[in-house]
N, C-alpha and C. Protein backbone atom coordinates (compact mmCIF):
# COMPACT_ATOMS: atom_id res chain seq x y z
N MET A 1 -1.40 -14.97 18.94
CA MET A 1 -0.82 -14.94 17.62
C MET A 1 0.13 -13.75 17.57
N ASN A 2 1.34 -13.95 17.08
CA ASN A 2 2.34 -12.91 17.04
C ASN A 2 2.39 -12.18 15.70
N PHE A 3 1.69 -12.67 14.69
CA PHE A 3 1.74 -12.03 13.39
C PHE A 3 1.09 -10.66 13.46
N SER A 4 1.70 -9.70 12.82
CA SER A 4 1.09 -8.38 12.71
C SER A 4 1.54 -7.72 11.43
N PRO A 5 0.60 -7.20 10.64
CA PRO A 5 0.99 -6.44 9.46
C PRO A 5 1.39 -5.03 9.81
N PHE A 6 1.33 -4.71 11.09
CA PHE A 6 1.63 -3.37 11.56
C PHE A 6 3.03 -3.31 12.16
N PRO A 7 3.57 -2.12 12.33
CA PRO A 7 4.94 -1.96 12.83
C PRO A 7 5.12 -2.47 14.25
N ARG A 8 6.33 -2.92 14.51
CA ARG A 8 6.74 -3.24 15.86
C ARG A 8 7.03 -1.94 16.57
N GLU A 9 7.24 -2.01 17.87
CA GLU A 9 7.64 -0.81 18.59
C GLU A 9 8.94 -0.30 17.98
N GLY A 10 9.07 0.98 17.89
CA GLY A 10 10.27 1.55 17.28
C GLY A 10 10.05 1.90 15.82
N GLY A 11 8.84 1.60 15.28
CA GLY A 11 8.51 2.03 13.93
C GLY A 11 8.86 1.08 12.82
N GLU A 12 9.39 -0.11 13.11
CA GLU A 12 9.73 -1.04 12.04
C GLU A 12 8.64 -2.09 11.90
N SER A 13 8.18 -2.28 10.68
CA SER A 13 7.20 -3.32 10.42
C SER A 13 7.94 -4.61 10.13
N GLU A 14 7.21 -5.72 10.13
CA GLU A 14 7.82 -7.00 9.80
C GLU A 14 8.19 -7.05 8.32
N GLN A 15 7.51 -6.24 7.49
CA GLN A 15 7.78 -6.27 6.06
C GLN A 15 8.95 -5.37 5.68
N SER A 16 8.99 -4.16 6.20
CA SER A 16 10.06 -3.23 5.84
C SER A 16 10.14 -2.13 6.88
N PRO A 17 11.34 -1.58 7.08
CA PRO A 17 11.46 -0.48 8.04
C PRO A 17 10.80 0.78 7.51
N ASN A 18 10.16 1.52 8.41
CA ASN A 18 9.53 2.77 8.02
C ASN A 18 9.38 3.62 9.27
N SER A 19 10.29 4.53 9.49
CA SER A 19 10.26 5.32 10.71
C SER A 19 9.13 6.33 10.72
N ASN A 20 8.48 6.59 9.58
CA ASN A 20 7.39 7.55 9.51
C ASN A 20 6.02 6.90 9.67
N TRP A 21 5.98 5.63 9.92
CA TRP A 21 4.72 4.89 10.01
C TRP A 21 3.98 5.26 11.29
N ASP A 22 2.73 5.62 11.16
CA ASP A 22 1.88 5.89 12.30
C ASP A 22 1.04 4.64 12.50
N GLU A 23 1.31 3.88 13.57
CA GLU A 23 0.66 2.59 13.79
C GLU A 23 -0.86 2.70 13.81
N HIS A 24 -1.39 3.67 14.49
CA HIS A 24 -2.85 3.80 14.58
C HIS A 24 -3.45 4.17 13.24
N GLN A 25 -2.79 5.04 12.51
CA GLN A 25 -3.27 5.40 11.18
C GLN A 25 -3.24 4.18 10.26
N GLY A 26 -2.18 3.39 10.35
CA GLY A 26 -2.07 2.17 9.55
C GLY A 26 -3.16 1.18 9.88
N ARG A 27 -3.43 0.99 11.17
CA ARG A 27 -4.51 0.09 11.58
C ARG A 27 -5.85 0.58 11.06
N ASP A 28 -6.08 1.89 11.13
CA ASP A 28 -7.34 2.45 10.63
C ASP A 28 -7.49 2.22 9.13
N ARG A 29 -6.41 2.43 8.38
CA ARG A 29 -6.46 2.22 6.93
C ARG A 29 -6.73 0.75 6.60
N PHE A 30 -6.04 -0.14 7.33
CA PHE A 30 -6.24 -1.58 7.11
C PHE A 30 -7.68 -1.96 7.43
N ARG A 31 -8.19 -1.49 8.55
CA ARG A 31 -9.58 -1.80 8.96
C ARG A 31 -10.55 -1.24 7.93
N ASP A 32 -10.33 -0.03 7.45
CA ASP A 32 -11.19 0.56 6.43
C ASP A 32 -11.21 -0.30 5.17
N LEU A 33 -10.05 -0.80 4.77
CA LEU A 33 -9.97 -1.64 3.58
C LEU A 33 -10.74 -2.93 3.74
N ILE A 34 -10.52 -3.65 4.83
CA ILE A 34 -11.17 -4.96 4.96
C ILE A 34 -12.65 -4.84 5.30
N ASP A 35 -13.06 -3.70 5.84
CA ASP A 35 -14.48 -3.49 6.13
C ASP A 35 -15.23 -2.82 4.98
N SER A 36 -14.54 -2.46 3.93
CA SER A 36 -15.17 -1.71 2.84
C SER A 36 -16.04 -2.63 1.98
N ASP A 37 -16.82 -2.00 1.11
CA ASP A 37 -17.63 -2.74 0.15
C ASP A 37 -16.87 -2.99 -1.13
N ALA A 38 -15.58 -2.66 -1.16
CA ALA A 38 -14.78 -2.79 -2.37
C ALA A 38 -14.37 -4.24 -2.64
N ILE A 39 -14.14 -5.00 -1.58
CA ILE A 39 -13.66 -6.37 -1.75
C ILE A 39 -14.14 -7.23 -0.58
N ALA A 40 -14.50 -8.47 -0.89
CA ALA A 40 -14.87 -9.42 0.16
C ALA A 40 -13.59 -9.91 0.82
N PHE A 41 -13.63 -10.09 2.12
CA PHE A 41 -12.43 -10.46 2.86
C PHE A 41 -12.81 -11.30 4.06
N TYR A 42 -12.01 -12.35 4.32
CA TYR A 42 -12.19 -13.11 5.55
C TYR A 42 -10.87 -13.73 5.99
N ILE A 43 -10.82 -14.09 7.29
CA ILE A 43 -9.63 -14.67 7.89
C ILE A 43 -10.01 -15.93 8.64
N CYS A 44 -9.18 -16.96 8.52
CA CYS A 44 -9.32 -18.19 9.30
C CYS A 44 -8.12 -18.31 10.23
N ASP A 45 -8.33 -18.91 11.41
CA ASP A 45 -7.22 -19.16 12.33
C ASP A 45 -6.46 -20.41 11.89
N ALA A 46 -5.52 -20.85 12.69
CA ALA A 46 -4.65 -21.98 12.33
C ALA A 46 -5.42 -23.28 12.15
N SER A 47 -6.59 -23.40 12.74
CA SER A 47 -7.40 -24.61 12.58
C SER A 47 -8.42 -24.49 11.46
N GLY A 48 -8.44 -23.34 10.79
CA GLY A 48 -9.36 -23.13 9.67
C GLY A 48 -10.69 -22.52 10.07
N VAL A 49 -10.87 -22.19 11.34
CA VAL A 49 -12.12 -21.58 11.81
C VAL A 49 -12.16 -20.12 11.38
N ILE A 50 -13.29 -19.70 10.85
CA ILE A 50 -13.46 -18.31 10.42
C ILE A 50 -13.50 -17.41 11.65
N ILE A 51 -12.54 -16.47 11.70
CA ILE A 51 -12.48 -15.55 12.84
C ILE A 51 -12.86 -14.13 12.45
N TYR A 52 -13.03 -13.88 11.17
CA TYR A 52 -13.47 -12.57 10.70
C TYR A 52 -13.99 -12.71 9.28
N HIS A 53 -15.05 -11.99 8.97
CA HIS A 53 -15.47 -11.79 7.58
C HIS A 53 -16.17 -10.46 7.50
N ASN A 54 -16.07 -9.81 6.35
CA ASN A 54 -16.77 -8.55 6.20
C ASN A 54 -18.14 -8.79 5.57
N ASP A 55 -18.93 -7.73 5.48
CA ASP A 55 -20.30 -7.86 4.99
C ASP A 55 -20.36 -8.31 3.53
N LEU A 56 -19.42 -7.85 2.71
CA LEU A 56 -19.44 -8.24 1.30
C LEU A 56 -19.19 -9.73 1.14
N ALA A 57 -18.32 -10.30 1.97
CA ALA A 57 -18.10 -11.75 1.91
C ALA A 57 -19.40 -12.49 2.20
N ALA A 58 -20.11 -12.07 3.24
CA ALA A 58 -21.38 -12.70 3.58
C ALA A 58 -22.40 -12.53 2.45
N ASP A 59 -22.42 -11.37 1.83
CA ASP A 59 -23.34 -11.13 0.71
C ASP A 59 -23.04 -12.07 -0.46
N LEU A 60 -21.77 -12.21 -0.81
CA LEU A 60 -21.41 -13.09 -1.93
C LEU A 60 -21.66 -14.55 -1.59
N TRP A 61 -21.43 -14.95 -0.34
CA TRP A 61 -21.71 -16.32 0.08
C TRP A 61 -23.22 -16.58 0.14
N GLY A 62 -24.00 -15.52 0.32
CA GLY A 62 -25.44 -15.68 0.47
C GLY A 62 -25.82 -16.17 1.86
N ARG A 63 -24.93 -16.02 2.80
CA ARG A 63 -25.17 -16.45 4.18
C ARG A 63 -24.15 -15.78 5.09
N ARG A 64 -24.41 -15.79 6.35
CA ARG A 64 -23.53 -15.14 7.32
C ARG A 64 -23.08 -16.19 8.33
N PRO A 65 -21.92 -16.84 8.09
CA PRO A 65 -21.45 -17.85 9.04
C PRO A 65 -21.10 -17.23 10.39
N ALA A 66 -21.31 -17.99 11.45
CA ALA A 66 -21.00 -17.51 12.80
C ALA A 66 -19.49 -17.46 13.00
N ILE A 67 -19.00 -16.34 13.48
CA ILE A 67 -17.57 -16.19 13.77
C ILE A 67 -17.20 -17.15 14.90
N GLY A 68 -16.11 -17.91 14.70
CA GLY A 68 -15.62 -18.81 15.73
C GLY A 68 -16.30 -20.17 15.79
N ASP A 69 -17.27 -20.41 14.93
CA ASP A 69 -17.98 -21.69 14.92
C ASP A 69 -17.06 -22.77 14.35
N THR A 70 -16.73 -23.77 15.14
CA THR A 70 -15.79 -24.80 14.70
C THR A 70 -16.36 -25.69 13.60
N ASP A 71 -17.66 -25.60 13.34
CA ASP A 71 -18.25 -26.33 12.21
C ASP A 71 -18.12 -25.53 10.90
N GLU A 72 -17.71 -24.29 11.01
CA GLU A 72 -17.52 -23.42 9.84
C GLU A 72 -16.03 -23.29 9.61
N ARG A 73 -15.47 -24.17 8.80
CA ARG A 73 -14.03 -24.15 8.59
C ARG A 73 -13.69 -23.88 7.12
N PHE A 74 -12.68 -23.06 6.91
CA PHE A 74 -12.05 -22.78 5.62
C PHE A 74 -12.82 -21.84 4.70
N CYS A 75 -14.14 -21.84 4.76
CA CYS A 75 -14.90 -20.97 3.85
C CYS A 75 -16.33 -20.84 4.35
N GLY A 76 -16.93 -19.70 4.05
CA GLY A 76 -18.31 -19.45 4.46
C GLY A 76 -19.33 -19.77 3.39
N SER A 77 -18.88 -20.22 2.23
CA SER A 77 -19.83 -20.51 1.16
C SER A 77 -20.64 -21.76 1.46
N HIS A 78 -21.80 -21.84 0.85
CA HIS A 78 -22.68 -23.00 0.98
C HIS A 78 -22.07 -24.18 0.22
N VAL A 79 -21.85 -23.99 -1.06
CA VAL A 79 -21.25 -25.01 -1.95
C VAL A 79 -20.35 -24.25 -2.92
N LYS A 80 -19.23 -24.87 -3.28
CA LYS A 80 -18.38 -24.22 -4.28
C LYS A 80 -17.80 -25.25 -5.24
N TYR A 81 -17.48 -24.74 -6.44
CA TYR A 81 -16.94 -25.56 -7.52
C TYR A 81 -15.74 -24.87 -8.12
N LEU A 82 -14.81 -25.67 -8.62
CA LEU A 82 -13.72 -25.12 -9.41
C LEU A 82 -14.26 -24.78 -10.79
N VAL A 83 -13.48 -24.07 -11.56
CA VAL A 83 -13.91 -23.64 -12.88
C VAL A 83 -14.24 -24.83 -13.79
N ASP A 84 -13.58 -25.99 -13.57
CA ASP A 84 -13.85 -27.17 -14.39
C ASP A 84 -15.10 -27.93 -13.95
N GLY A 85 -15.82 -27.41 -12.94
CA GLY A 85 -17.04 -28.03 -12.47
C GLY A 85 -16.85 -29.00 -11.32
N HIS A 86 -15.60 -29.22 -10.91
CA HIS A 86 -15.30 -30.14 -9.81
C HIS A 86 -15.83 -29.58 -8.49
N PHE A 87 -16.68 -30.38 -7.79
CA PHE A 87 -17.19 -30.00 -6.49
C PHE A 87 -16.04 -29.89 -5.51
N LEU A 88 -16.04 -28.85 -4.71
CA LEU A 88 -14.93 -28.57 -3.81
C LEU A 88 -15.41 -28.64 -2.36
N GLN A 89 -15.01 -29.68 -1.65
CA GLN A 89 -15.34 -29.79 -0.23
C GLN A 89 -14.51 -28.75 0.51
N HIS A 90 -15.06 -28.24 1.61
CA HIS A 90 -14.35 -27.18 2.34
C HIS A 90 -12.97 -27.64 2.81
N ASP A 91 -12.85 -28.87 3.30
CA ASP A 91 -11.54 -29.32 3.81
C ASP A 91 -10.56 -29.69 2.69
N GLU A 92 -11.01 -29.62 1.44
CA GLU A 92 -10.14 -29.85 0.29
C GLU A 92 -9.94 -28.57 -0.50
N SER A 93 -10.33 -27.46 0.07
CA SER A 93 -10.31 -26.19 -0.64
C SER A 93 -8.90 -25.60 -0.70
N PRO A 94 -8.70 -24.63 -1.59
CA PRO A 94 -7.41 -23.94 -1.63
C PRO A 94 -7.06 -23.31 -0.28
N MET A 95 -8.04 -22.83 0.45
CA MET A 95 -7.80 -22.24 1.78
C MET A 95 -7.15 -23.27 2.70
N ALA A 96 -7.67 -24.49 2.69
CA ALA A 96 -7.11 -25.57 3.53
C ALA A 96 -5.69 -25.91 3.08
N ASP A 97 -5.45 -25.93 1.77
CA ASP A 97 -4.11 -26.24 1.25
C ASP A 97 -3.08 -25.19 1.66
N VAL A 98 -3.46 -23.91 1.63
CA VAL A 98 -2.54 -22.85 2.04
C VAL A 98 -2.28 -22.96 3.54
N LEU A 99 -3.31 -23.19 4.32
CA LEU A 99 -3.16 -23.30 5.77
C LEU A 99 -2.27 -24.49 6.14
N ALA A 100 -2.36 -25.58 5.40
CA ALA A 100 -1.54 -26.76 5.66
C ALA A 100 -0.11 -26.61 5.14
N GLY A 101 0.17 -25.54 4.40
CA GLY A 101 1.50 -25.33 3.85
C GLY A 101 1.77 -26.13 2.59
N LYS A 102 0.72 -26.71 2.00
CA LYS A 102 0.89 -27.48 0.76
C LYS A 102 1.22 -26.58 -0.42
N VAL A 103 0.70 -25.36 -0.41
CA VAL A 103 0.98 -24.37 -1.44
C VAL A 103 1.22 -23.02 -0.76
N SER A 104 1.93 -22.15 -1.43
CA SER A 104 2.28 -20.86 -0.81
C SER A 104 1.15 -19.85 -0.89
N GLY A 105 0.17 -20.08 -1.73
CA GLY A 105 -0.96 -19.18 -1.88
C GLY A 105 -1.67 -19.44 -3.19
N PHE A 106 -2.82 -18.83 -3.35
CA PHE A 106 -3.57 -18.89 -4.60
C PHE A 106 -3.87 -17.46 -5.00
N TYR A 107 -3.69 -17.15 -6.28
CA TYR A 107 -3.86 -15.79 -6.74
C TYR A 107 -4.66 -15.78 -8.02
N ASP A 108 -5.68 -14.95 -8.05
CA ASP A 108 -6.56 -14.80 -9.22
C ASP A 108 -7.18 -16.12 -9.66
N ALA A 109 -7.53 -16.96 -8.69
CA ALA A 109 -8.20 -18.23 -8.99
C ALA A 109 -9.70 -17.98 -9.13
N GLU A 110 -10.33 -18.70 -10.02
CA GLU A 110 -11.77 -18.56 -10.22
C GLU A 110 -12.50 -19.69 -9.50
N VAL A 111 -13.52 -19.32 -8.75
CA VAL A 111 -14.34 -20.28 -8.01
C VAL A 111 -15.80 -19.93 -8.24
N HIS A 112 -16.63 -20.94 -8.38
CA HIS A 112 -18.08 -20.75 -8.51
C HIS A 112 -18.71 -21.04 -7.16
N ILE A 113 -19.42 -20.08 -6.62
CA ILE A 113 -20.07 -20.23 -5.33
C ILE A 113 -21.57 -20.41 -5.55
N GLU A 114 -22.11 -21.48 -5.01
CA GLU A 114 -23.56 -21.68 -5.04
C GLU A 114 -24.10 -21.29 -3.67
N ARG A 115 -25.06 -20.40 -3.68
CA ARG A 115 -25.65 -19.88 -2.45
C ARG A 115 -26.77 -20.81 -1.98
N PRO A 116 -27.16 -20.68 -0.71
CA PRO A 116 -28.24 -21.53 -0.18
C PRO A 116 -29.55 -21.41 -0.97
N ASP A 117 -29.81 -20.25 -1.60
CA ASP A 117 -31.05 -20.08 -2.37
C ASP A 117 -30.94 -20.66 -3.78
N GLY A 118 -29.78 -21.27 -4.12
CA GLY A 118 -29.58 -21.89 -5.42
C GLY A 118 -28.95 -20.97 -6.45
N SER A 119 -28.86 -19.68 -6.16
CA SER A 119 -28.19 -18.76 -7.09
C SER A 119 -26.69 -19.00 -7.04
N CYS A 120 -26.02 -18.50 -8.05
CA CYS A 120 -24.58 -18.76 -8.19
C CYS A 120 -23.86 -17.46 -8.51
N VAL A 121 -22.62 -17.37 -8.05
CA VAL A 121 -21.78 -16.23 -8.37
C VAL A 121 -20.37 -16.76 -8.65
N ILE A 122 -19.71 -16.17 -9.63
CA ILE A 122 -18.34 -16.53 -9.93
C ILE A 122 -17.45 -15.45 -9.33
N VAL A 123 -16.45 -15.89 -8.56
CA VAL A 123 -15.56 -14.94 -7.90
C VAL A 123 -14.11 -15.22 -8.27
N THR A 124 -13.32 -14.18 -8.20
CA THR A 124 -11.87 -14.29 -8.33
C THR A 124 -11.30 -14.20 -6.93
N VAL A 125 -10.50 -15.22 -6.56
CA VAL A 125 -10.05 -15.40 -5.18
C VAL A 125 -8.54 -15.25 -5.08
N ASN A 126 -8.11 -14.62 -4.00
CA ASN A 126 -6.70 -14.55 -3.62
C ASN A 126 -6.58 -15.03 -2.18
N ILE A 127 -5.65 -15.93 -1.93
CA ILE A 127 -5.48 -16.53 -0.61
C ILE A 127 -4.01 -16.47 -0.23
N ALA A 128 -3.74 -15.99 0.99
CA ALA A 128 -2.36 -15.89 1.45
C ALA A 128 -2.27 -16.34 2.91
N PRO A 129 -1.18 -17.03 3.25
CA PRO A 129 -0.99 -17.44 4.65
C PRO A 129 -0.59 -16.25 5.53
N LEU A 130 -0.94 -16.33 6.79
CA LEU A 130 -0.46 -15.38 7.80
C LEU A 130 0.64 -16.11 8.55
N ILE A 131 1.86 -15.60 8.44
CA ILE A 131 3.03 -16.32 8.93
C ILE A 131 3.75 -15.51 10.01
N GLN A 132 4.03 -16.16 11.13
CA GLN A 132 4.82 -15.54 12.19
C GLN A 132 6.26 -15.39 11.74
N ALA A 133 7.02 -14.61 12.49
CA ALA A 133 8.44 -14.41 12.18
C ALA A 133 9.23 -15.71 12.18
N ASP A 134 8.80 -16.70 12.98
CA ASP A 134 9.51 -17.98 13.05
C ASP A 134 9.07 -18.95 11.94
N GLY A 135 8.21 -18.50 11.02
CA GLY A 135 7.81 -19.31 9.88
C GLY A 135 6.57 -20.16 10.10
N VAL A 136 5.97 -20.10 11.26
CA VAL A 136 4.77 -20.88 11.55
C VAL A 136 3.54 -20.19 10.95
N ILE A 137 2.73 -20.96 10.22
CA ILE A 137 1.48 -20.43 9.66
C ILE A 137 0.45 -20.39 10.78
N VAL A 138 -0.04 -19.20 11.08
CA VAL A 138 -0.97 -19.01 12.19
C VAL A 138 -2.39 -18.70 11.71
N GLY A 139 -2.56 -18.62 10.43
CA GLY A 139 -3.87 -18.34 9.87
C GLY A 139 -3.75 -18.13 8.38
N VAL A 140 -4.86 -17.77 7.78
CA VAL A 140 -4.89 -17.54 6.35
C VAL A 140 -5.93 -16.46 6.06
N ALA A 141 -5.64 -15.62 5.09
CA ALA A 141 -6.54 -14.53 4.71
C ALA A 141 -6.94 -14.70 3.25
N SER A 142 -8.18 -14.35 2.97
CA SER A 142 -8.66 -14.44 1.60
C SER A 142 -9.42 -13.18 1.23
N SER A 143 -9.15 -12.70 0.05
CA SER A 143 -9.94 -11.62 -0.54
C SER A 143 -10.53 -12.16 -1.83
N PHE A 144 -11.74 -11.73 -2.13
CA PHE A 144 -12.37 -12.18 -3.37
C PHE A 144 -13.38 -11.16 -3.84
N CYS A 145 -13.64 -11.19 -5.13
CA CYS A 145 -14.61 -10.27 -5.71
C CYS A 145 -15.36 -10.97 -6.82
N GLU A 146 -16.57 -10.51 -7.03
CA GLU A 146 -17.41 -11.08 -8.07
C GLU A 146 -16.84 -10.72 -9.44
N ASN A 147 -16.91 -11.68 -10.36
CA ASN A 147 -16.51 -11.42 -11.74
C ASN A 147 -17.80 -11.19 -12.54
N PRO A 148 -18.18 -9.93 -12.76
CA PRO A 148 -19.45 -9.64 -13.42
C PRO A 148 -19.48 -10.01 -14.90
N LEU A 149 -18.32 -10.31 -15.47
CA LEU A 149 -18.26 -10.66 -16.88
C LEU A 149 -18.51 -12.13 -17.13
N ARG A 150 -18.61 -12.91 -16.06
CA ARG A 150 -18.80 -14.37 -16.20
C ARG A 150 -20.14 -14.76 -15.60
N ASN A 151 -20.82 -15.68 -16.27
CA ASN A 151 -22.09 -16.20 -15.78
C ASN A 151 -21.89 -17.63 -15.32
N CYS A 152 -22.60 -18.00 -14.28
CA CYS A 152 -22.52 -19.38 -13.79
C CYS A 152 -23.17 -20.31 -14.80
N PRO A 153 -22.62 -21.53 -14.90
CA PRO A 153 -23.28 -22.51 -15.76
C PRO A 153 -24.60 -22.93 -15.12
N ASN A 154 -25.40 -23.66 -15.89
CA ASN A 154 -26.67 -24.15 -15.35
C ASN A 154 -26.41 -24.95 -14.10
N LYS A 155 -27.42 -25.07 -13.26
CA LYS A 155 -27.30 -25.79 -11.99
C LYS A 155 -26.78 -27.20 -12.25
N ARG A 156 -25.86 -27.63 -11.41
CA ARG A 156 -25.23 -28.94 -11.56
C ARG A 156 -26.16 -30.04 -11.08
N ALA A 157 -25.96 -31.22 -11.64
CA ALA A 157 -26.78 -32.37 -11.25
C ALA A 157 -26.39 -32.91 -9.91
């Protein structure tokens, strides 16, 4: 995969030139952010297989999907619903739509996650494609956080 949020040799990033950028410091800051307890984060490759998730993502999902498992595609949640109560299959999820190029991303979307133990959490989700310089989508990244001001509806039938 050629995508990198970090600078190319010579100090220029794909997003903007910055001759003062310290590549290793930038990588450390990025790693600290995605590994922190501040926000849940995960990445899928071009086929939708989960290639990274942090501990908070696993906590909110209520399970820890195996990295690289081809049966775990697009999301690590057990079951999820849209805000209108519509059941959301993993291959019909916003993550799959972004990866397929059907939409450019999802921002501040609300999703209800049902955990394997039957408990539920409402999260606010942001999804963005990872795009190479030639425009090819090579993966997708998602960040999400619990919305503590919202309660899940009663268990669905």
